[in-house]
Protein backbone atom coordinates (compact mmCIF):
# COMPACT_ATOMS: atom_id res chain seq x y z
CA MET A 1 -4.47 -31.56 -24.89
CA SER A 2 -3.58 -33.62 -21.70
CA VAL A 3 -6.05 -31.50 -18.82
CA LEU A 4 -4.59 -31.34 -15.40
CA ALA A 5 -6.55 -32.27 -12.41
CA GLY A 6 -9.91 -30.85 -12.22
CA MET A 7 -9.30 -28.67 -15.27
CA LYS A 8 -8.39 -25.85 -12.43
CA TYR A 9 -5.21 -23.44 -12.75
CA GLN A 10 -2.13 -25.02 -11.12
CA ILE A 11 1.27 -23.31 -10.54
CA PHE A 12 4.67 -25.00 -11.21
CA PRO A 13 7.84 -24.01 -9.73
CA LEU A 14 11.33 -24.07 -11.35
CA SER A 15 14.78 -22.64 -9.79
CA ALA A 16 18.31 -22.64 -10.65
CA ALA A 17 21.47 -21.53 -9.84
CA SER A 18 21.25 -19.23 -12.57
CA ASP A 19 19.39 -17.40 -15.31
CA ARG A 20 20.96 -19.78 -17.98
CA GLU A 21 20.61 -22.69 -16.15
CA LEU A 22 16.89 -21.82 -15.61
CA ARG A 23 16.02 -21.24 -19.03
CA GLN A 24 17.69 -24.58 -20.04
CA ARG A 25 15.90 -26.41 -17.55
CA ALA A 26 12.60 -24.69 -19.06
CA SER A 27 13.09 -26.05 -22.65
CA ARG A 28 13.69 -29.76 -21.63
CA LEU A 29 10.67 -29.77 -19.77
CA ALA A 30 8.87 -27.95 -22.44
CA GLU A 31 10.30 -30.19 -24.70
CA GLY A 32 9.53 -33.51 -22.57
CA LEU A 33 5.94 -32.37 -22.06
CA GLY A 34 5.36 -31.57 -25.91
CA ASN A 35 6.91 -35.32 -26.74
CA VAL A 36 5.25 -37.25 -24.72
CA GLY A 37 1.97 -35.43 -23.54
CA LEU A 38 2.76 -36.04 -19.89
CA ASP A 39 -0.22 -35.35 -17.45
CA VAL A 40 1.89 -34.19 -14.15
CA ALA A 41 -1.35 -33.88 -12.44
CA GLY A 42 -0.59 -31.01 -10.15
CA GLN A 43 2.94 -32.60 -9.26
CA PRO A 44 6.02 -29.86 -9.10
CA PHE A 45 9.40 -30.08 -10.68
CA VAL A 46 11.32 -29.76 -7.77
CA HIS A 47 10.44 -30.84 -4.15
CA GLU A 48 13.43 -28.97 -2.47
CA TYR A 49 14.59 -25.52 -2.89
CA PRO A 50 18.20 -25.13 -1.50
CA ARG A 51 19.15 -21.53 -1.10
CA ASP A 52 21.52 -21.03 -3.67
CA LEU A 53 18.93 -21.81 -6.63
CA ILE A 54 18.11 -18.05 -6.56
CA GLU A 55 16.85 -18.00 -10.34
CA ARG A 56 13.21 -18.67 -9.98
CA ALA A 57 10.24 -19.09 -12.39
CA VAL A 58 6.51 -20.38 -11.96
CA VAL A 59 4.07 -21.51 -14.57
CA ALA A 60 0.34 -21.37 -14.18
CA ALA A 61 -1.52 -23.83 -16.18
CA ALA A 62 -4.71 -26.00 -16.75
CA SER A 63 -3.52 -28.33 -19.09
CA THR A 64 -0.25 -29.76 -20.16
CA ASP A 65 -0.38 -27.76 -23.33
CA GLU A 66 -0.70 -24.18 -21.26
CA LEU A 67 2.41 -25.26 -19.49
CA ALA A 68 4.51 -26.31 -22.28
CA ALA A 69 3.90 -22.94 -23.86
CA GLY A 70 4.62 -21.32 -20.50
CA LEU A 71 7.77 -23.52 -19.96
CA ARG A 72 8.77 -22.09 -23.51
CA ARG A 73 8.24 -18.74 -22.59
CA VAL A 74 10.37 -19.02 -19.71
CA ALA A 75 13.16 -20.77 -21.96
CA ASP A 76 12.73 -18.01 -24.39
CA GLY A 77 12.88 -14.71 -21.82
CA GLU A 78 9.85 -13.75 -22.69
CA PRO A 79 6.85 -12.04 -20.99
CA ASP A 80 3.77 -14.02 -20.55
CA ASN A 81 0.63 -13.46 -18.29
CA LEU A 82 0.69 -17.02 -16.91
CA VAL A 83 4.41 -16.73 -16.04
CA VAL A 84 6.26 -15.13 -12.81
CA THR A 85 9.99 -14.83 -12.68
CA GLY A 86 11.97 -13.35 -9.96
CA GLN A 87 15.67 -13.68 -8.07
CA ALA A 88 15.26 -15.05 -4.64
CA SER A 89 16.93 -12.82 -1.62
CA ILE A 90 17.83 -14.02 1.80
CA VAL A 91 14.79 -13.59 3.44
CA GLY A 92 13.29 -14.12 7.14
CA ASP A 93 10.41 -16.73 8.02
CA GLY A 94 7.59 -15.01 6.20
CA PRO A 95 6.80 -11.78 5.04
CA VAL A 96 4.93 -8.92 7.19
CA TRP A 97 1.05 -9.40 6.28
CA VAL A 98 -0.83 -6.12 6.02
CA PHE A 99 -4.64 -5.86 6.34
CA SER A 100 -5.71 -3.08 4.89
CA GLY A 101 -9.17 -0.91 5.31
CA HIS A 102 -12.25 0.40 3.81
CA GLY A 103 -12.33 0.56 -0.06
CA SER A 104 -11.05 -2.85 -1.18
CA GLN A 105 -14.72 -4.48 -1.32
CA TRP A 106 -15.75 -5.32 -5.17
CA PRO A 107 -19.02 -7.24 -6.22
CA GLY A 108 -18.27 -10.82 -6.47
CA MET A 109 -15.17 -10.91 -4.38
CA GLY A 110 -15.28 -14.24 -2.78
CA ARG A 111 -17.29 -16.29 -5.27
CA ASP A 112 -14.40 -18.17 -6.92
CA LEU A 113 -13.07 -19.08 -3.70
CA LEU A 114 -16.10 -20.24 -2.09
CA GLY A 115 -14.16 -23.70 -3.78
CA GLU A 116 -11.39 -23.54 -1.63
CA SER A 117 -12.06 -25.50 1.62
CA GLU A 118 -9.92 -23.46 3.79
CA PHE A 119 -11.41 -20.24 2.56
CA ALA A 120 -15.10 -21.71 2.62
CA ALA A 121 -14.36 -22.93 6.05
CA VAL A 122 -13.69 -19.52 7.77
CA ILE A 123 -16.94 -17.88 6.05
CA ASP A 124 -19.02 -21.32 7.21
CA ALA A 125 -17.38 -20.70 10.79
CA LEU A 126 -18.47 -16.93 10.80
CA GLU A 127 -22.39 -17.81 9.62
CA PRO A 128 -23.57 -18.28 13.05
CA VAL A 129 -21.83 -14.68 14.55
CA PHE A 130 -22.74 -12.90 11.57
CA SER A 131 -26.32 -14.22 11.93
CA ASP A 132 -26.76 -13.42 15.38
CA GLU A 133 -24.96 -10.20 15.08
CA ILE A 134 -25.82 -8.54 12.19
CA GLY A 135 -28.51 -10.47 10.49
CA PHE A 136 -27.11 -11.49 7.44
CA SER A 137 -25.09 -14.91 6.36
CA PRO A 138 -21.82 -14.00 4.97
CA ARG A 139 -22.18 -16.70 2.40
CA GLU A 140 -24.91 -15.44 0.86
CA ALA A 141 -23.58 -12.03 0.83
CA ILE A 142 -20.45 -13.26 -1.18
CA GLN A 143 -22.79 -15.06 -3.43
CA SER A 144 -25.23 -11.59 -4.04
CA GLY A 145 -22.28 -9.15 -4.12
CA ASP A 146 -24.01 -6.58 -2.58
CA PHE A 147 -21.81 -4.61 -0.43
CA GLN A 148 -23.25 -0.95 -0.72
CA ASP A 149 -24.31 -0.59 2.77
CA VAL A 150 -20.98 0.25 4.76
CA ALA A 151 -22.03 -2.17 7.68
CA LYS A 152 -22.02 -4.89 4.91
CA ALA A 153 -18.94 -3.63 3.21
CA GLN A 154 -17.00 -3.27 6.55
CA THR A 155 -18.18 -7.13 7.82
CA MET A 156 -17.19 -8.63 4.55
CA ILE A 157 -13.82 -7.12 4.18
CA PHE A 158 -13.11 -8.64 7.48
CA ALA A 159 -14.45 -12.00 6.49
CA MET A 160 -12.49 -11.87 3.27
CA GLN A 161 -9.33 -10.91 4.78
CA VAL A 162 -9.59 -13.89 7.25
CA GLY A 163 -10.62 -16.13 4.68
CA LEU A 164 -7.50 -15.09 2.66
CA ALA A 165 -5.42 -15.47 5.79
CA ALA A 166 -6.20 -18.88 5.82
CA LEU A 167 -5.77 -19.78 2.49
CA TRP A 168 -2.01 -18.22 2.41
CA ARG A 169 -1.43 -20.37 5.59
CA SER A 170 -2.54 -23.36 3.35
CA ARG A 171 0.03 -22.63 0.89
CA GLY A 172 2.59 -22.49 3.65
CA VAL A 173 2.71 -18.50 4.00
CA HIS A 174 2.86 -17.79 7.64
CA PRO A 175 3.24 -13.95 8.51
CA ALA A 176 6.71 -12.96 10.40
CA ALA A 177 4.82 -9.55 11.59
CA ILE A 178 1.19 -8.18 10.89
CA ILE A 179 -0.11 -4.97 10.38
CA GLY A 180 -3.35 -3.28 10.21
CA HIS A 181 -4.86 -0.48 8.81
CA SER A 182 -8.05 0.86 10.07
CA VAL A 183 -11.05 -1.94 10.40
CA GLY A 184 -7.84 -4.46 9.16
CA GLU A 185 -6.57 -4.18 12.57
CA ILE A 186 -9.50 -6.30 13.60
CA ALA A 187 -8.61 -9.18 10.93
CA ALA A 188 -4.90 -8.20 12.32
CA ALA A 189 -6.07 -9.07 15.77
CA VAL A 190 -7.56 -12.31 14.55
CA CYS A 191 -4.43 -13.51 12.66
CA SER A 192 -1.77 -12.64 15.59
CA GLY A 193 -3.94 -14.69 17.99
CA MET A 194 -5.22 -11.69 20.07
CA LEU A 195 -8.64 -12.57 19.21
CA SER A 196 -10.44 -15.76 18.21
CA LEU A 197 -12.30 -16.14 15.04
CA ALA A 198 -15.67 -15.82 16.84
CA ASP A 199 -14.71 -12.50 18.68
CA GLY A 200 -13.20 -10.87 15.77
CA GLY A 201 -16.68 -11.57 14.13
CA ARG A 202 -18.45 -10.07 16.83
CA LEU A 203 -16.59 -6.91 17.04
CA ILE A 204 -16.64 -6.48 13.53
CA CYS A 205 -20.48 -7.01 13.41
CA ARG A 206 -20.83 -4.70 16.31
CA ARG A 207 -18.79 -1.93 14.84
CA SER A 208 -20.34 -1.84 11.72
CA ARG A 209 -23.72 -1.55 13.38
CA LEU A 210 -22.56 1.78 15.06
CA LEU A 211 -21.30 3.16 11.89
CA ARG A 212 -24.93 2.89 10.22
CA ARG A 213 -25.70 5.86 12.81
CA VAL A 214 -23.21 8.11 10.67
CA ALA A 215 -23.18 7.01 7.12
CA GLY A 216 -24.03 9.66 4.53
CA ARG A 217 -22.63 12.35 6.75
CA GLY A 218 -19.08 12.64 6.05
CA GLY A 219 -16.64 11.89 3.00
CA MET A 220 -13.03 11.71 2.50
CA ALA A 221 -10.28 12.79 0.05
CA MET A 222 -6.55 11.54 -0.87
CA VAL A 223 -4.21 14.37 -0.93
CA MET A 224 -0.36 13.78 -1.89
CA LEU A 225 0.87 16.05 1.01
CA SER A 226 2.56 14.85 3.99
CA PHE A 227 0.43 14.03 7.17
CA ALA A 228 2.48 16.97 8.59
CA ASP A 229 1.35 19.26 6.07
CA VAL A 230 -2.04 18.70 5.56
CA GLN A 231 -2.28 18.98 9.19
CA GLU A 232 -1.26 22.74 9.20
CA ARG A 233 -3.35 23.37 6.18
CA LEU A 234 -6.32 22.27 7.93
CA SER A 235 -5.68 23.91 11.38
CA HIS A 236 -7.65 26.88 10.78
CA ARG A 237 -10.58 25.02 9.25
CA ASP A 238 -13.61 23.47 10.70
CA GLY A 239 -15.12 20.11 9.76
CA LEU A 240 -11.82 18.66 8.30
CA VAL A 241 -9.11 16.81 9.96
CA ALA A 242 -6.12 14.56 8.66
CA ALA A 243 -7.31 11.26 9.10
CA ILE A 244 -4.74 8.63 7.34
CA GLU A 245 -0.98 8.84 7.06
CA SER A 246 -0.83 6.48 3.85
CA ALA A 247 2.46 7.18 3.06
CA PRO A 248 5.39 10.00 3.44
CA THR A 249 3.84 12.26 1.08
CA ALA A 250 -0.14 11.26 0.75
CA THR A 251 -2.69 11.79 3.17
CA VAL A 252 -6.41 11.21 3.61
CA ILE A 253 -8.46 13.88 5.28
CA ALA A 254 -11.99 13.26 6.20
CA GLY A 255 -15.03 15.62 7.68
CA VAL A 256 -18.31 16.78 6.28
CA PRO A 257 -19.02 16.51 2.73
CA GLU A 258 -19.15 20.27 2.00
CA ALA A 259 -16.05 20.68 3.71
CA ILE A 260 -14.40 18.02 1.84
CA ASP A 261 -15.65 19.48 -1.81
CA THR A 262 -14.37 22.92 -1.01
CA VAL A 263 -10.89 21.89 -0.23
CA VAL A 264 -10.42 19.85 -3.21
CA ARG A 265 -11.61 22.35 -5.57
CA GLN A 266 -9.43 24.75 -3.85
CA TRP A 267 -6.26 22.31 -3.53
CA GLN A 268 -6.48 21.53 -7.08
CA ALA A 269 -6.85 24.72 -7.95
CA GLU A 270 -3.61 25.24 -6.59
CA GLY A 271 -1.86 22.64 -8.45
CA ILE A 272 -2.11 19.91 -5.33
CA ALA A 273 -3.15 16.68 -6.39
CA VAL A 274 -6.29 15.67 -4.49
CA ARG A 275 -9.23 13.47 -5.27
CA ARG A 276 -12.28 12.04 -3.47
CA ILE A 277 -12.06 8.70 -1.86
CA SER A 278 -15.72 7.03 -2.31
CA SER A 279 -16.65 6.81 1.66
CA ASP A 280 -19.87 8.37 2.84
CA VAL A 281 -18.24 7.95 6.20
CA ALA A 282 -15.61 10.53 7.83
CA PHE A 283 -13.53 7.56 9.72
CA HIS A 284 -11.10 8.30 12.01
CA SER A 285 -12.62 12.39 12.51
CA PRO A 286 -14.62 13.92 15.27
CA GLN A 287 -17.58 12.52 13.72
CA MET A 288 -16.25 9.06 15.31
CA GLU A 289 -16.58 10.53 18.78
CA GLN A 290 -20.11 9.52 19.19
CA LEU A 291 -19.54 6.11 18.62
CA VAL A 292 -16.76 5.50 20.95
CA ALA A 293 -18.68 4.49 24.19
CA GLY A 294 -20.86 2.30 22.13
CA LEU A 295 -17.72 0.49 20.59
CA GLU A 296 -16.03 0.20 23.86
CA GLU A 297 -19.24 -1.36 25.45
CA ALA A 298 -19.74 -3.67 22.83
CA SER A 299 -16.20 -4.79 23.10
CA ALA A 300 -16.22 -5.85 26.81
CA ASP A 301 -17.09 -9.56 26.68
CA LEU A 302 -14.51 -10.02 24.27
CA CYS A 303 -11.23 -12.17 25.53
CA PRO A 304 -8.10 -10.39 24.21
CA GLY A 305 -4.88 -12.65 24.17
CA VAL A 306 -1.47 -12.11 23.53
CA PRO A 307 0.11 -12.18 19.84
CA ALA A 308 2.05 -14.85 18.54
CA VAL A 309 3.54 -12.44 16.21
CA PRO A 310 4.96 -8.77 16.30
CA VAL A 311 1.98 -6.45 15.98
CA TYR A 312 2.76 -2.82 15.07
CA SER A 313 -0.32 -0.64 15.72
CA THR A 314 -1.58 1.73 13.33
CA ALA A 315 -4.19 3.41 15.77
CA LEU A 316 -1.04 4.63 18.42
CA PRO A 317 1.49 7.02 17.88
CA ASP A 318 3.89 4.82 18.75
CA PRO A 319 3.52 1.38 16.43
CA ARG A 320 5.45 -0.57 19.06
CA ALA A 321 3.48 0.67 21.98
CA GLY A 322 1.43 -3.09 22.03
CA VAL A 323 -2.12 -3.83 20.39
CA THR A 324 -4.15 -4.51 23.40
CA ALA A 325 -7.38 -5.52 21.55
CA ASP A 326 -9.79 -4.16 24.32
CA GLY A 327 -12.42 -1.73 24.37
CA LYS A 328 -10.19 0.95 24.75
CA TYR A 329 -7.95 0.21 21.94
CA TRP A 330 -11.20 -0.46 19.71
CA ALA A 331 -12.41 3.18 20.57
CA ALA A 332 -9.07 4.60 19.63
CA ASN A 333 -8.74 2.43 16.04
CA LEU A 334 -11.96 4.09 15.32
CA ARG A 335 -11.37 7.62 16.03
CA ASN A 336 -7.39 8.38 15.84
CA PRO A 337 -5.53 8.87 12.75
CA VAL A 338 -4.25 5.76 10.95
CA ARG A 339 -0.61 5.91 10.68
CA LEU A 340 0.09 3.14 8.41
CA ALA A 341 3.52 4.93 7.01
CA THR A 342 4.88 5.32 10.80
CA ALA A 343 4.04 1.38 11.20
CA ILE A 344 5.46 0.53 7.96
CA THR A 345 8.81 2.10 8.90
CA ALA A 346 8.84 0.84 12.05
CA ALA A 347 8.62 -2.57 10.49
CA ALA A 348 11.27 -1.88 8.15
CA GLU A 349 13.28 -0.13 10.61
CA ASP A 350 13.38 -3.88 12.75
CA GLY A 351 14.69 -5.30 9.79
CA PHE A 352 11.54 -6.68 7.86
CA ARG A 353 11.58 -6.06 3.61
CA ASP A 354 8.73 -8.25 2.70
CA PHE A 355 5.40 -7.09 2.66
CA LEU A 356 2.04 -8.85 1.78
CA GLU A 357 -1.39 -7.00 1.60
CA VAL A 358 -4.05 -9.41 2.42
CA SER A 359 -7.23 -8.33 1.28
CA PRO A 360 -9.92 -8.45 -1.85
CA HIS A 361 -7.86 -5.80 -3.81
CA PRO A 362 -4.62 -3.79 -2.95
CA VAL A 363 -5.30 -0.57 -1.67
CA VAL A 364 -2.08 0.09 0.55
CA THR A 365 0.11 -1.90 -1.68
CA HIS A 366 1.40 1.60 -3.42
CA SER A 367 1.55 3.43 0.10
CA ILE A 368 3.64 0.79 1.38
CA GLY A 369 6.10 0.74 -2.03
CA GLN A 370 6.09 4.80 -1.32
CA THR A 371 6.92 4.44 2.37
CA LEU A 372 9.94 1.70 2.15
CA THR A 373 13.15 3.28 1.22
CA ALA A 374 15.76 0.37 1.62
CA ASP A 375 16.85 -1.34 -1.52
CA GLY A 376 15.82 -4.89 -1.99
CA THR A 377 12.49 -4.39 -0.50
CA PHE A 378 9.42 -6.39 -1.62
CA VAL A 379 5.72 -5.72 -1.67
CA ALA A 380 2.94 -7.88 -2.78
CA GLY A 381 -1.07 -8.13 -2.97
CA THR A 382 -3.56 -11.01 -3.04
CA LEU A 383 -6.50 -10.22 -5.24
CA ARG A 384 -7.61 -7.56 -7.49
CA ARG A 385 -11.01 -6.12 -8.39
CA GLY A 386 -12.86 -8.05 -11.24
CA LYS A 387 -10.17 -10.43 -11.66
CA PRO A 388 -10.32 -14.53 -11.36
CA GLU A 389 -9.81 -15.18 -7.71
CA ARG A 390 -8.04 -18.40 -7.92
CA LEU A 391 -5.54 -17.59 -10.68
CA THR A 392 -4.92 -14.28 -9.36
CA PHE A 393 -4.09 -15.80 -5.75
CA LEU A 394 -1.73 -18.25 -7.22
CA LYS A 395 0.00 -15.44 -9.11
CA SER A 396 0.39 -13.65 -6.50
CA ALA A 397 1.55 -17.31 -4.51
CA ALA A 398 4.23 -17.60 -7.25
CA ALA A 399 5.53 -14.23 -6.65
CA VAL A 400 6.11 -14.69 -3.01
CA TYR A 401 7.64 -18.18 -4.05
CA CYS A 402 9.98 -16.21 -6.49
CA ARG A 403 10.95 -13.68 -3.88
CA GLY A 404 12.37 -16.38 -2.33
CA PHE A 405 9.67 -18.09 0.11
CA ASN A 406 8.84 -21.80 -0.53
CA LEU A 407 5.00 -22.93 -0.80
CA ALA A 408 3.36 -25.73 0.29
CA TRP A 409 3.26 -27.70 -3.25
CA SER A 410 1.16 -30.55 -2.30
CA ARG A 411 -1.73 -28.00 -1.76
CA GLN A 412 -2.91 -27.11 -5.24
């Protein structure tokens, strides 16, 4: 067996003008690898990808034997865990990056990626900021995997998101527009150029410290009804609000735990699909009002700039109104409902068809898919909870390539 560089998984692209041509090409390459034991050492098969080569496949492999086996799967048209295929569409400069909110964290996230120079550089750049602002090391938090405390969970979601964004850029994938969901708007502000990495780090640490004041006092639940329907149903109830417009028929409610439990039981008895979400904070509810002044004050020394790409707000009724990234905006981000479906719809209306969730686990990918109504749309994630991170990321990159975007193949 010939082992590829460093025994790491790498991805190898194929493209052709037709499915038949793609299969034939895969068969020839597999035969060549099998006959001579060629060590391709991370070199892609094709260096240029004309737009007319619409049939695409990517094989992930850590040895030439594994690569040859994957190529044979492509040749035979058989599914395989290490093979990604797709038909490239006419696309723009890049996908819309979507930074999701709370819930994507998991013990062990980021450990595999500390060996990736671009990711590690971001984590280490946040080290002095996190140490000064919240008293722990992001690298040590990744290694320990302890994200139970809401403040640590939120800060590390941010750290993962900006680290993953750097990893995507290193592979040649850049955002055509950006959307942030709840706390994800901080990473969105950094990745769009509105905030520096250091300012984004300061903001997430200060916001997270404030959240400790309300931790344990709230709860949230997902209900499969429209935002307007939920607002109407809750209009005569105390202690509960419609907090997140996830999709046209999916809404998250927030409030005091007892009220959440009561409404979950009642709505389930009515046959409505509703379930509790793992959160002891009632984000985007009146419970946040006691934190608003503190957050505005904590944001006073930040230096927001102008975004380099379009940014759609989820904190304002009009997603095109513009994200100012000042104290008033971050107060609105914490207190106002999250209008994800409205922002996704606005981006689609403006011509965007490709969406990439930049997070350690996909928590809004399904909601994005539910919101998009036009044919030919594309939604992908980045990592998955408990799955090998490098391989999972490479397969996500492969899906982006098969959609029609070209990658920086020199970076493996």
